[in-house]
Protein backbone atom coordinates (compact mmCIF):
# COMPACT_ATOMS: atom_id res chain seq x y z
CA UNK A 1 -50.89 -183.57 -13.27
CA UNK A 2 -51.10 -183.03 -17.05
CA UNK A 3 -47.95 -182.50 -18.98
CA UNK A 4 -46.39 -182.92 -22.37
CA UNK A 5 -46.65 -186.12 -24.28
CA UNK A 6 -44.47 -189.17 -23.55
CA UNK A 7 -44.37 -192.35 -25.66
CA UNK A 8 -43.77 -194.39 -22.51
CA UNK A 9 -46.79 -193.15 -20.66
CA UNK A 10 -49.77 -195.19 -19.52
CA UNK A 11 -47.58 -197.70 -17.64
CA UNK A 12 -45.10 -198.74 -20.31
CA UNK A 13 -41.91 -199.88 -18.70
CA UNK A 14 -38.38 -198.78 -19.62
CA UNK A 15 -35.65 -201.05 -21.03
CA UNK A 16 -32.89 -201.62 -18.53
CA UNK A 17 -29.45 -200.35 -19.54
CA UNK A 18 -27.10 -202.88 -20.97
CA UNK A 19 -23.50 -203.50 -20.00
CA UNK A 20 -20.63 -202.75 -22.35
CA UNK A 21 -20.18 -206.39 -23.21
CA UNK A 22 -23.87 -207.01 -23.84
CA UNK A 23 -24.68 -208.39 -20.37
CA UNK A 24 -27.51 -207.00 -18.30
CA UNK A 25 -26.54 -204.44 -15.67
CA UNK A 26 -27.06 -205.86 -12.25
CA UNK A 27 -29.80 -204.40 -10.03
CA UNK A 28 -29.04 -203.69 -6.36
CA UNK A 29 -28.97 -206.89 -4.35
CA UNK A 30 -28.55 -209.22 -7.44
CA UNK A 31 -25.98 -210.58 -9.86
CA UNK A 32 -25.25 -208.94 -13.15
CA UNK A 33 -24.40 -210.22 -16.61
CA UNK A 34 -20.88 -210.94 -17.96
CA UNK A 35 -18.50 -208.02 -18.53
CA UNK A 36 -15.80 -207.73 -21.25
CA UNK A 37 -13.61 -210.37 -19.68
CA UNK A 38 -16.45 -212.77 -19.11
CA UNK A 39 -16.20 -212.53 -15.30
CA UNK A 40 -19.01 -211.50 -13.05
CA UNK A 41 -19.17 -207.94 -11.84
CA UNK A 42 -21.21 -205.99 -9.34
CA UNK A 43 -22.24 -202.29 -9.90
CA UNK A 44 -20.71 -199.94 -7.45
CA UNK A 45 -23.26 -197.85 -5.52
CA UNK A 46 -24.38 -194.72 -7.26
CA UNK A 47 -22.76 -191.57 -5.91
CA UNK A 48 -24.97 -189.47 -3.60
CA UNK A 49 -26.25 -186.24 -5.13
CA UNK A 50 -24.76 -183.15 -3.65
CA UNK A 51 -27.21 -181.08 -1.56
CA UNK A 52 -27.86 -177.63 -2.78
CA UNK A 53 -28.34 -174.82 -0.23
CA UNK A 54 -31.26 -172.38 -0.51
CA UNK A 55 -28.85 -169.40 -0.39
CA UNK A 56 -27.29 -170.56 -3.53
CA UNK A 57 -30.59 -170.84 -5.37
CA UNK A 58 -31.79 -167.49 -4.18
CA UNK A 59 -29.07 -165.80 -6.18
CA UNK A 60 -30.49 -167.11 -9.43
CA UNK A 61 -32.72 -164.39 -11.10
CA UNK A 62 -34.59 -166.99 -13.26
CA UNK A 63 -35.91 -168.68 -10.13
CA UNK A 64 -37.53 -165.48 -8.96
CA UNK A 65 -38.96 -164.40 -12.38
CA UNK A 66 -42.07 -166.60 -12.98
CA UNK A 67 -43.38 -166.69 -9.32
CA UNK A 68 -42.87 -162.96 -8.93
CA UNK A 69 -44.62 -162.07 -12.07
CA UNK A 70 -47.54 -164.44 -11.61
CA UNK A 71 -48.21 -163.62 -7.99
CA UNK A 72 -47.90 -159.89 -8.58
CA UNK A 73 -50.28 -160.08 -11.50
CA UNK A 74 -52.72 -162.11 -9.52
CA UNK A 75 -52.71 -159.66 -6.61
CA UNK A 76 -53.25 -156.80 -9.04
CA UNK A 77 -56.10 -158.44 -10.86
CA UNK A 78 -57.86 -159.58 -7.61
CA UNK A 79 -57.71 -156.07 -6.20
CA UNK A 80 -59.01 -154.44 -9.32
CA UNK A 81 -61.81 -156.90 -9.90
CA UNK A 82 -63.03 -157.25 -6.27
CA UNK A 83 -62.87 -153.61 -5.26
CA UNK A 84 -63.93 -152.27 -8.66
CA UNK A 85 -67.41 -153.64 -8.18
CA UNK A 86 -68.02 -152.21 -4.74
CA UNK A 87 -65.99 -149.14 -4.23
CA UNK A 88 -68.49 -146.62 -5.58
CA UNK A 89 -72.06 -148.01 -5.81
CA UNK A 90 -73.68 -144.58 -5.62
CA UNK A 91 -71.58 -143.24 -8.46
CA UNK A 92 -72.44 -146.13 -10.76
CA UNK A 93 -76.14 -146.37 -9.76
CA UNK A 94 -78.34 -146.45 -12.84
CA UNK A 95 -82.09 -147.28 -13.17
CA UNK A 96 -82.61 -149.16 -9.86
CA UNK A 97 -86.04 -150.68 -10.30
CA UNK A 98 -88.48 -148.92 -7.78
CA UNK A 99 -92.22 -148.98 -7.79
CA UNK A 100 -94.27 -145.78 -7.74
CA UNK A 101 -97.88 -146.23 -6.73
CA UNK A 102 -100.68 -143.59 -6.79
CA UNK A 103 -103.72 -144.69 -4.93
CA UNK A 104 -105.13 -141.23 -4.43
CA UNK A 105 -108.80 -141.11 -5.21
CA UNK A 106 -109.48 -137.50 -4.05
CA UNK A 107 -111.03 -134.90 -6.33
CA UNK A 108 -108.63 -132.35 -7.89
CA UNK A 109 -108.27 -129.22 -5.78
CA UNK A 110 -110.16 -126.09 -7.12
CA UNK A 111 -108.63 -124.80 -10.39
CA UNK A 112 -106.47 -127.90 -10.97
CA UNK A 113 -107.08 -130.79 -13.35
CA UNK A 114 -105.30 -133.49 -11.41
CA UNK A 115 -105.39 -134.45 -7.64
CA UNK A 116 -102.36 -134.03 -5.54
CA UNK A 117 -101.39 -137.69 -5.77
CA UNK A 118 -101.21 -137.62 -9.53
CA UNK A 119 -99.23 -134.43 -9.42
CA UNK A 120 -96.62 -135.60 -6.94
CA UNK A 121 -96.06 -138.99 -8.65
CA UNK A 122 -95.58 -137.33 -12.06
CA UNK A 123 -93.20 -134.86 -10.51
CA UNK A 124 -91.17 -137.61 -8.82
CA UNK A 125 -90.85 -139.67 -11.99
CA UNK A 126 -89.70 -136.52 -13.95
CA UNK A 127 -87.41 -135.05 -11.37
CA UNK A 128 -84.87 -137.94 -11.38
CA UNK A 129 -82.38 -136.41 -13.92
CA UNK A 130 -79.49 -138.49 -12.62
CA UNK A 131 -81.06 -141.74 -13.74
CA UNK A 132 -80.37 -143.45 -10.46
CA UNK A 133 -83.95 -144.73 -10.02
CA UNK A 134 -85.88 -146.67 -12.51
CA UNK A 135 -89.33 -145.61 -11.43
CA UNK A 136 -92.19 -147.97 -12.46
CA UNK A 137 -95.70 -146.59 -12.37
CA UNK A 138 -97.69 -149.50 -10.86
CA UNK A 139 -100.94 -150.25 -9.09
CA UNK A 140 -100.77 -151.44 -5.52
CA UNK A 141 -101.40 -155.07 -6.54
CA UNK A 142 -98.73 -154.86 -9.28
CA UNK A 143 -96.24 -153.37 -6.84
CA UNK A 144 -96.88 -156.12 -4.27
CA UNK A 145 -96.54 -158.81 -6.93
CA UNK A 146 -93.15 -157.36 -8.15
CA UNK A 147 -91.93 -157.07 -4.51
CA UNK A 148 -92.80 -160.76 -4.10
CA UNK A 149 -90.95 -161.74 -7.28
CA UNK A 150 -87.85 -159.65 -6.71
CA UNK A 151 -88.45 -157.42 -9.69
CA UNK A 152 -88.23 -154.16 -7.72
CA UNK A 153 -86.09 -153.16 -4.83
CA UNK A 154 -88.76 -151.07 -3.10
CA UNK A 155 -91.81 -148.84 -3.73
CA UNK A 156 -93.22 -145.44 -2.74
CA UNK A 157 -97.00 -145.43 -2.19
CA UNK A 158 -99.34 -142.41 -2.20
CA UNK A 159 -102.48 -143.36 -0.19
CA UNK A 160 -106.05 -142.99 -1.27
CA UNK A 161 -106.84 -140.07 0.97
CA UNK A 162 -103.73 -138.05 0.12
CA UNK A 163 -105.55 -135.10 -1.64
CA UNK A 164 -108.23 -134.84 1.06
CA UNK A 165 -105.73 -134.81 3.86
CA UNK A 166 -103.57 -132.13 2.08
CA UNK A 167 -106.34 -129.78 1.34
CA UNK A 168 -107.71 -130.24 4.83
CA UNK A 169 -104.51 -128.68 6.25
CA UNK A 170 -105.59 -125.22 5.18
CA UNK A 171 -108.93 -125.58 7.04
CA UNK A 172 -110.05 -126.28 10.51
CA UNK A 173 -110.98 -129.81 9.49
CA UNK A 174 -107.40 -131.09 9.58
CA UNK A 175 -107.16 -134.27 11.68
CA UNK A 176 -104.15 -136.18 10.30
CA UNK A 177 -101.01 -135.33 8.42
CA UNK A 178 -100.79 -136.62 4.79
CA UNK A 179 -98.71 -139.80 4.69
CA UNK A 180 -96.56 -141.41 2.02
CA UNK A 181 -95.35 -145.01 2.53
CA UNK A 182 -91.87 -146.40 1.68
CA UNK A 183 -91.98 -150.14 1.08
CA UNK A 184 -88.64 -152.12 1.33
CA UNK A 185 -87.63 -155.46 -0.08
CA UNK A 186 -85.07 -157.04 2.14
CA UNK A 187 -85.00 -160.13 0.05
CA UNK A 188 -83.08 -158.27 -2.59
CA UNK A 189 -80.15 -157.78 -0.21
CA UNK A 190 -79.50 -155.28 2.50
CA UNK A 191 -77.57 -152.84 0.27
CA UNK A 192 -80.07 -152.97 -2.60
CA UNK A 193 -82.95 -152.43 -0.26
CA UNK A 194 -81.15 -149.65 1.55
CA UNK A 195 -80.45 -147.84 -1.72
CA UNK A 196 -84.10 -148.01 -2.75
CA UNK A 197 -85.24 -146.90 0.63
CA UNK A 198 -82.92 -143.91 0.49
CA UNK A 199 -84.16 -142.88 -2.97
CA UNK A 200 -87.77 -143.25 -2.07
CA UNK A 201 -87.51 -141.47 1.27
CA UNK A 202 -85.64 -138.54 -0.46
CA UNK A 203 -88.41 -138.36 -3.08
CA UNK A 204 -91.07 -138.29 -0.37
CA UNK A 205 -89.25 -135.50 1.58
CA UNK A 206 -88.88 -133.45 -1.59
CA UNK A 207 -92.53 -133.83 -2.13
CA UNK A 208 -93.32 -132.69 1.29
CA UNK A 209 -91.14 -129.62 0.89
CA UNK A 210 -92.85 -128.68 -2.40
CA UNK A 211 -96.31 -129.10 -0.95
CA UNK A 212 -95.18 -127.09 2.10
CA UNK A 213 -94.16 -124.16 -0.05
CA UNK A 214 -97.52 -124.09 -1.76
CA UNK A 215 -99.42 -124.31 1.58
CA UNK A 216 -97.48 -121.52 3.28
CA UNK A 217 -97.92 -119.23 0.29
CA UNK A 218 -101.71 -119.81 0.27
CA UNK A 219 -103.82 -116.89 1.47
CA UNK A 220 -105.78 -119.30 3.69
CA UNK A 221 -102.75 -119.79 5.90
CA UNK A 222 -101.48 -116.20 5.94
CA UNK A 223 -102.81 -115.63 9.49
CA UNK A 224 -101.71 -119.06 10.89
CA UNK A 225 -99.55 -119.00 14.05
CA UNK A 226 -95.88 -120.00 13.98
CA UNK A 227 -96.53 -123.53 15.13
CA UNK A 228 -99.04 -124.17 12.37
CA UNK A 229 -96.80 -122.57 9.73
CA UNK A 230 -93.92 -124.79 10.89
CA UNK A 231 -96.13 -127.86 10.51
CA UNK A 232 -97.38 -126.67 7.04
CA UNK A 233 -93.70 -126.20 5.83
CA UNK A 234 -93.12 -130.01 6.14
CA UNK A 235 -96.71 -131.47 6.12
CA UNK A 236 -96.06 -135.01 4.72
CA UNK A 237 -95.27 -137.83 7.16
CA UNK A 238 -93.05 -140.61 5.62
CA UNK A 239 -93.61 -144.10 7.00
CA UNK A 240 -91.25 -147.06 6.18
CA UNK A 241 -92.64 -150.55 6.12
CA UNK A 242 -91.38 -153.89 4.91
CA UNK A 243 -93.05 -154.56 1.52
CA UNK A 244 -92.10 -158.25 1.32
CA UNK A 245 -90.92 -159.70 4.73
CA UNK A 246 -88.31 -162.40 5.04
CA UNK A 247 -87.40 -164.54 8.02
CA UNK A 248 -85.32 -163.30 10.98
CA UNK A 249 -82.61 -165.92 10.22
CA UNK A 250 -81.97 -164.71 6.68
CA UNK A 251 -78.90 -162.65 7.27
CA UNK A 252 -80.74 -159.44 6.36
CA UNK A 253 -81.23 -160.81 3.00
CA UNK A 254 -77.68 -162.04 2.48
CA UNK A 255 -78.23 -165.72 3.34
CA UNK A 256 -79.00 -166.34 -0.35
CA UNK A 257 -75.65 -164.99 -1.47
CA UNK A 258 -73.64 -166.88 1.12
CA UNK A 259 -75.61 -170.15 0.46
CA UNK A 260 -74.70 -169.71 -3.24
CA UNK A 261 -71.07 -169.10 -2.37
CA UNK A 262 -71.10 -172.33 -0.42
CA UNK A 263 -72.41 -174.26 -3.45
CA UNK A 264 -69.86 -172.74 -5.77
CA UNK A 265 -66.96 -173.42 -3.35
CA UNK A 266 -68.20 -176.96 -2.76
CA UNK A 267 -68.19 -177.62 -6.53
CA UNK A 268 -64.95 -175.78 -7.12
CA UNK A 269 -62.90 -177.18 -4.25
CA UNK A 270 -64.53 -180.61 -4.57
CA UNK A 271 -63.79 -180.79 -8.30
CA UNK A 272 -60.10 -179.97 -7.72
CA UNK A 273 -59.75 -182.42 -4.83
CA UNK A 274 -61.27 -185.16 -6.95
CA UNK A 275 -59.09 -184.30 -9.85
CA UNK A 276 -55.91 -184.41 -7.67
CA UNK A 277 -56.93 -187.52 -5.90
CA UNK A 278 -57.64 -189.43 -9.13
CA UNK A 279 -54.35 -188.43 -10.68
CA UNK A 280 -52.55 -189.61 -7.47
CA UNK A 281 -54.37 -192.95 -7.34
CA UNK A 282 -53.64 -193.60 -11.08
CA UNK A 283 -49.97 -192.82 -10.55
CA UNK A 284 -49.83 -189.57 -12.61
CA UNK A 285 -49.06 -187.36 -9.52
CA UNK A 286 -47.03 -187.75 -6.36
CA UNK A 287 -48.66 -187.95 -2.98
CA UNK A 288 -46.84 -185.96 -0.35
CA UNK A 289 -48.10 -185.67 3.22
CA UNK A 290 -45.60 -183.97 5.53
CA UNK A 291 -42.30 -185.87 5.20
CA UNK A 292 -43.91 -188.85 3.55
CA UNK A 293 -43.80 -189.26 -0.17
CA UNK A 294 -45.42 -192.04 -2.21
CA UNK A 295 -45.84 -192.74 -5.88
CA UNK A 296 -48.44 -195.38 -7.00
CA UNK A 297 -47.88 -197.49 -10.13
CA UNK A 298 -49.14 -195.86 -13.25
CA UNK A 299 -52.42 -197.12 -14.62
CA UNK A 300 -52.63 -197.14 -18.45
CA UNK A 301 -55.68 -194.90 -19.20
CA UNK A 302 -56.11 -192.11 -21.80
CA UNK A 303 -57.30 -188.63 -21.16
CA UNK A 304 -60.95 -189.16 -22.15
CA UNK A 305 -61.34 -192.10 -19.93
CA UNK A 306 -59.70 -190.20 -17.06
CA UNK A 307 -62.07 -187.27 -17.51
CA UNK A 308 -65.08 -189.65 -17.62
CA UNK A 309 -63.84 -191.19 -14.31
CA UNK A 310 -63.51 -187.78 -12.63
CA UNK A 311 -66.87 -186.52 -13.79
CA UNK A 312 -68.68 -189.65 -12.63
CA UNK A 313 -67.04 -189.38 -9.23
CA UNK A 314 -67.94 -185.68 -9.13
CA UNK A 315 -71.58 -186.53 -9.69
CA UNK A 316 -71.56 -189.10 -6.87
CA UNK A 317 -69.59 -187.10 -4.31
CA UNK A 318 -71.63 -183.94 -4.94
CA UNK A 319 -74.62 -185.86 -3.46
CA UNK A 320 -72.76 -185.85 -0.15
CA UNK A 321 -71.48 -182.24 -0.32
CA UNK A 322 -74.85 -180.72 -1.23
CA UNK A 323 -76.49 -182.67 1.55
CA UNK A 324 -73.89 -181.54 4.14
CA UNK A 325 -74.29 -177.88 3.01
CA UNK A 326 -77.99 -178.07 3.68
CA UNK A 327 -77.60 -179.92 6.89
CA UNK A 328 -75.13 -177.41 8.26
CA UNK A 329 -77.00 -174.27 7.20
CA UNK A 330 -80.63 -175.32 7.70
CA UNK A 331 -80.59 -178.03 10.31
CA UNK A 332 -77.66 -176.90 12.47
CA UNK A 333 -77.55 -173.11 11.99
CA UNK A 334 -81.35 -172.63 11.58
CA UNK A 335 -81.27 -170.67 8.28
CA UNK A 336 -84.75 -169.76 7.19
CA UNK A 337 -85.62 -171.98 4.19
CA UNK A 338 -88.71 -173.32 2.59
CA UNK A 339 -89.22 -175.75 -0.28
CA UNK A 340 -86.56 -178.01 1.22
CA UNK A 341 -86.76 -180.86 -1.35
CA UNK A 342 -86.53 -178.32 -4.22
CA UNK A 343 -83.72 -176.52 -2.45
CA UNK A 344 -81.69 -179.92 -2.08
CA UNK A 345 -82.28 -180.69 -5.82
CA UNK A 346 -81.28 -177.28 -6.88
CA UNK A 347 -78.22 -177.25 -4.55
CA UNK A 348 -77.02 -180.59 -6.06
CA UNK A 349 -77.48 -179.51 -9.67
CA UNK A 350 -75.88 -176.11 -9.14
CA UNK A 351 -72.79 -177.58 -7.36
CA UNK A 352 -72.55 -180.36 -9.83
CA UNK A 353 -72.48 -177.91 -12.79
CA UNK A 354 -69.66 -176.11 -11.11
CA UNK A 355 -67.79 -179.36 -10.43
CA UNK A 356 -68.16 -180.57 -14.04
CA UNK A 357 -66.90 -177.17 -15.22
CA UNK A 358 -63.84 -177.51 -13.06
CA UNK A 359 -63.08 -181.02 -14.38
CA UNK A 360 -63.37 -179.80 -17.99
CA UNK A 361 -61.14 -176.89 -17.47
CA UNK A 362 -58.49 -178.95 -15.70
CA UNK A 363 -58.57 -181.50 -18.42
CA UNK A 364 -58.16 -178.79 -21.15
CA UNK A 365 -55.49 -176.58 -19.40
CA UNK A 366 -53.65 -179.11 -17.27
CA UNK A 367 -51.53 -177.55 -14.52
CA UNK A 368 -52.93 -174.03 -14.79
CA UNK A 369 -56.50 -175.39 -14.90
CA UNK A 370 -57.10 -174.65 -11.25
CA UNK A 371 -56.10 -171.03 -11.71
CA UNK A 372 -58.34 -170.67 -14.71
CA UNK A 373 -61.33 -172.18 -13.04
CA UNK A 374 -60.78 -169.96 -9.95
CA UNK A 375 -61.13 -166.89 -12.25
CA UNK A 376 -64.18 -168.35 -14.04
CA UNK A 377 -66.10 -169.35 -10.92
CA UNK A 378 -64.85 -167.23 -8.06
CA UNK A 379 -62.80 -164.11 -9.06
CA UNK A 380 -65.17 -162.90 -11.88
CA UNK A 381 -68.24 -164.40 -10.31
CA UNK A 382 -68.30 -162.63 -6.94
CA UNK A 383 -68.44 -158.99 -8.08
CA UNK A 384 -70.87 -159.75 -10.90
CA UNK A 385 -73.32 -161.75 -8.93
CA UNK A 386 -75.57 -158.88 -8.02
CA UNK A 387 -76.27 -160.60 -4.70
CA UNK A 388 -74.48 -158.09 -2.49
CA UNK A 389 -74.23 -155.03 -4.63
CA UNK A 390 -77.16 -154.60 -7.15
CA UNK A 391 -76.04 -154.93 -10.73
CA UNK A 392 -77.61 -151.47 -11.33
CA UNK A 393 -74.94 -150.02 -8.95
CA UNK A 394 -71.75 -151.62 -10.56
CA UNK A 395 -69.68 -150.61 -13.55
CA UNK A 396 -70.84 -151.84 -17.01
CA UNK A 397 -68.09 -154.46 -17.21
CA UNK A 398 -69.64 -156.37 -14.35
CA UNK A 399 -73.13 -156.06 -15.78
CA UNK A 400 -71.65 -157.68 -18.96
CA UNK A 401 -70.20 -160.46 -16.86
CA UNK A 402 -73.41 -161.16 -15.09
CA UNK A 403 -75.06 -162.24 -18.37
CA UNK A 404 -73.08 -165.53 -18.33
CA UNK A 405 -71.11 -165.74 -15.02
CA UNK A 406 -72.28 -168.78 -13.15
CA UNK A 407 -72.57 -167.22 -9.66
CA UNK A 408 -75.13 -164.62 -10.89
CA UNK A 409 -77.29 -167.30 -12.38
CA UNK A 410 -77.05 -169.57 -9.25
CA UNK A 411 -77.70 -166.81 -6.80
CA UNK A 412 -80.86 -165.71 -8.60
CA UNK A 413 -82.17 -169.29 -8.19
CA UNK A 414 -81.31 -169.59 -4.48
CA UNK A 415 -82.86 -166.14 -3.73
CA UNK A 416 -86.10 -167.27 -5.54
CA UNK A 417 -86.34 -170.39 -3.49
CA UNK A 418 -85.40 -168.87 -0.11
CA UNK A 419 -87.23 -165.52 -0.40
CA UNK A 420 -89.74 -165.46 -3.26
CA UNK A 421 -91.73 -168.69 -2.85
CA UNK A 422 -89.64 -170.52 -5.64
CA UNK A 423 -91.33 -168.43 -8.30
CA UNK A 424 -89.92 -169.05 -11.77
CA UNK A 425 -90.30 -165.32 -12.68
CA UNK A 426 -88.14 -164.42 -9.65
CA UNK A 427 -85.05 -165.91 -11.32
CA UNK A 428 -85.52 -169.53 -10.73
CA UNK A 429 -86.53 -170.36 -14.32
CA UNK A 430 -83.50 -168.67 -15.74
CA UNK A 431 -81.29 -170.29 -13.15
CA UNK A 432 -82.45 -173.80 -14.13
CA UNK A 433 -81.85 -172.93 -17.83
CA UNK A 434 -78.31 -171.69 -17.15
CA UNK A 435 -77.37 -174.71 -14.99
CA UNK A 436 -78.39 -176.99 -17.82
CA UNK A 437 -76.41 -174.85 -20.41
CA UNK A 438 -73.35 -174.84 -17.98
CA UNK A 439 -73.42 -178.59 -17.56
CA UNK A 440 -73.73 -179.25 -21.28
CA UNK A 441 -70.94 -176.81 -22.16
CA UNK A 442 -68.67 -178.49 -19.66
CA UNK A 443 -69.35 -181.94 -21.02
CA UNK A 444 -68.84 -180.86 -24.65
CA UNK A 445 -65.84 -178.73 -23.94
CA UNK A 446 -64.07 -181.24 -21.66
CA UNK A 447 -64.60 -184.33 -23.87
CA UNK A 448 -63.88 -182.41 -27.09
CA UNK A 449 -60.43 -181.39 -25.72
CA UNK A 450 -59.47 -184.80 -24.33
CA UNK A 451 -60.51 -186.54 -27.55
CA UNK A 452 -58.45 -184.02 -29.52
CA UNK A 453 -55.40 -184.71 -27.28
CA UNK A 454 -55.90 -188.50 -27.47
CA UNK A 455 -56.14 -188.40 -31.24
CA UNK A 456 -52.97 -186.30 -31.50
CA UNK A 457 -51.17 -188.93 -29.36
CA UNK A 458 -50.53 -186.42 -26.53
CA UNK A 459 -50.51 -188.91 -23.78
CA UNK A 460 -50.09 -187.81 -20.12
CA UNK A 461 -46.42 -187.67 -19.22
CA UNK A 462 -45.30 -190.18 -16.54
CA UNK A 463 -42.20 -188.77 -14.82
CA UNK A 464 -39.46 -191.45 -14.52
CA UNK A 465 -36.54 -191.39 -12.17
CA UNK A 466 -33.18 -190.81 -13.77
CA UNK A 467 -31.13 -193.88 -14.61
CA UNK A 468 -27.85 -193.64 -12.78
CA UNK A 469 -24.83 -194.97 -14.74
CA UNK A 470 -23.15 -198.07 -13.14
CA UNK A 471 -19.56 -197.74 -12.07
CA UNK A 472 -17.38 -200.16 -14.07
CA UNK A 473 -14.71 -201.83 -11.91
CA UNK A 474 -11.37 -202.98 -13.30
CA UNK A 475 -11.52 -206.68 -14.56
CA UNK A 476 -9.36 -209.01 -12.37
CA UNK A 477 -6.67 -211.47 -13.56
């Protein structure tokens, strides 16, 4: 554990206390130096420390103060940060990317300049006054490409025969109902795909109601029977299809998020375990397992070399952890995954970047480093990742965090590999860039802080046991 500076750190021994007459004080089991009278003397056993009862300490207010304030503040922050990102996605929904495709090739109805498809798509794009949907006017090929690259959460398609099938309803030539197709994108997560599906379905139903009013008011349908008029009141059939399918073993699109979480946790927990293990092995921290307590001899090493040791070990051990994550999820549990060599390399680099960041933060902040790194990589990362709740459905604070929070960058890359054919424009290119930036920042920040501490002479404190004063017996004769 890091602490304040100590001039005797790095393995320097302490001078033994001297007797009153200049002789060395005897250690247990041996002979001492000469006392005042020149005779030999033996130290008396040190008195045993009185045991303090817990009931006595519980009555001390200062003992309660720091743990109470810190744990209460932590509980409050965790509640606000975690629940703040998911409690009201509909209320915060803004500009969710959704494709709007008009394939209608029919001629405009008599007296109108546009066909029905052009009219309804223009009305849909203009009717969203709430700003919940970010409609994108696309061709079918463009919509399919953006579904396959994760740029849109869904699409609404008006077919080529839409005008012909609508106008045929007022004649005896009607054979099929007009159809509008809702395309979903489960690779963007179950909630994001569901929000897009709800918006597109509602838009199609509103279109059907508008067309129905026009048809029932037409003179051509004035003498229609009640069954026909009921059909004409809601003439458009809405069909929902998967626009970009994913595997059955993909957790409804959530496997990318949970796989990313595994990589972050492996880097975070592994980094802290390595840091603690190295400190224990070098004699800078105690090792307690149940009732057993050990303290190894202190190895003289400065902060910079200690950090270098921890980072090299992190790079080596992450090979094992990244491999085990893939083995468990893909080989044992059968998670759908393609591009396996790329997935392994990406998993290693992503988890290593987190581990290096943890080591740098621990080296800079010492004892509270684990808490700081937990907020950086876990607490702030989960609600701003955009992997469970779309970033368009969270408050602006989380959208700001998503610009640089590691989990958002890593989840985009995992999702691109698992669901979008490892396309760079699906988020993988940005993910690689941010992994490189994060690793460089960790190295620069960590070694800059340790070099600063070393130049200032702020060595790591090596706690020493208190020296018990020897009892001085009465000289004989």
